[in-house]
Structure formats: structure tokens, C-alpha cells
Amino acid sequence: MENRTPQKSVFSLISGLIFLGLGSYIVYRYFFGNELITTLRLALSLVMIGFGAYRLYNYFST
């Protein structure tokens, strides 16, 4: 068995940035854009922010 170091995945970086950016944009529109957003969509955008932050944390911690 080979002794390899884990490689950083570009897909993990890009997906983390997309999830974090899109979720942040939706929350920004809700709080500062005076746009009506359903509670479910707001909750899903917060989940997207959390998942994006998790993906970026995993990318930069390895």
C-alpha cells in the first residue's frame, strides 16, 4: 500500500465557494434588499452557507 498525502480537490474548493456565495446572496437580499423570501428558502440558504463553509474548511485544512 502506498503512503500518499491527501490531495486537495478543486471540485471541493469550487463547490464550497458556490454554496457559500449563493447562500450569502440570498440572505443578503432578504435582510438588506427588502425582498420577501419564504422561511424554507431562508433556512435552505443558511444550510447552503454552512455546507459551503464546511467544504472550504475541509479544503484548507488538508
Protein backbone atom coordinates (compact mmCIF):
# COMPACT_ATOMS: atom_id res chain seq x y z
CA MET A 1 0.00 0.00 0.00
CA GLU A 2 1.27 3.44 -0.90
CA ASN A 3 1.83 6.15 1.66
CA ARG A 4 0.15 9.13 -0.02
CA THR A 5 -0.84 12.51 1.31
CA PRO A 6 -4.45 13.52 0.64
CA GLN A 7 -4.77 15.70 -2.43
CA LYS A 8 -6.79 18.88 -2.44
CA SER A 9 -9.81 18.61 -4.67
CA VAL A 10 -10.53 21.58 -6.92
CA PHE A 11 -14.17 20.47 -7.02
CA SER A 12 -14.34 20.84 -3.24
CA LEU A 13 -13.00 24.39 -3.46
CA ILE A 14 -15.32 25.46 -6.28
CA SER A 15 -18.44 23.88 -4.78
CA GLY A 16 -17.67 25.42 -1.39
CA LEU A 17 -17.33 28.87 -2.95
CA ILE A 18 -20.55 28.45 -4.95
CA PHE A 19 -22.60 27.26 -1.97
CA LEU A 20 -21.21 29.96 0.30
CA GLY A 21 -21.70 32.71 -2.28
CA LEU A 22 -25.21 31.74 -3.34
CA GLY A 23 -26.43 31.24 0.22
CA SER A 24 -24.92 34.55 1.31
CA TYR A 25 -26.52 36.34 -1.64
CA ILE A 26 -29.98 35.03 -0.75
CA VAL A 27 -29.59 36.02 2.92
CA TYR A 28 -28.25 39.44 1.87
CA ARG A 29 -31.27 40.03 -0.38
CA TYR A 30 -33.59 39.08 2.48
CA PHE A 31 -32.06 41.37 5.10
CA PHE A 32 -30.82 44.32 3.02
CA GLY A 33 -32.81 44.13 -0.20
CA ASN A 34 -36.26 44.14 1.41
CA GLU A 35 -37.22 41.10 -0.63
CA LEU A 36 -39.80 38.66 0.65
CA ILE A 37 -38.34 35.16 0.91
CA THR A 38 -40.15 32.15 2.33
CA THR A 39 -38.92 30.68 5.58
CA LEU A 40 -38.00 27.43 3.85
CA ARG A 41 -35.84 29.21 1.28
CA LEU A 42 -34.16 31.25 4.00
CA ALA A 43 -33.45 28.10 6.02
CA LEU A 44 -32.07 26.32 2.94
CA SER A 45 -29.81 29.27 2.18
CA LEU A 46 -28.44 29.12 5.74
CA VAL A 47 -27.80 25.39 5.24
CA MET A 48 -26.03 26.22 1.97
CA ILE A 49 -23.79 28.71 3.79
CA GLY A 50 -22.95 26.10 6.42
CA PHE A 51 -22.22 23.42 3.82
CA GLY A 52 -20.08 25.80 1.77
CA ALA A 53 -18.11 26.80 4.85
CA TYR A 54 -17.65 23.12 5.71
CA ARG A 55 -16.37 22.33 2.20
CA LEU A 56 -13.92 25.24 2.33
CA TYR A 57 -12.76 24.24 5.80
CA ASN A 58 -12.07 20.71 4.59
CA TYR A 59 -10.23 22.03 1.55
CA PHE A 60 -7.95 24.36 3.51
CA SER A 61 -7.39 22.06 6.49
CA THR A 62 -5.84 19.21 4.46
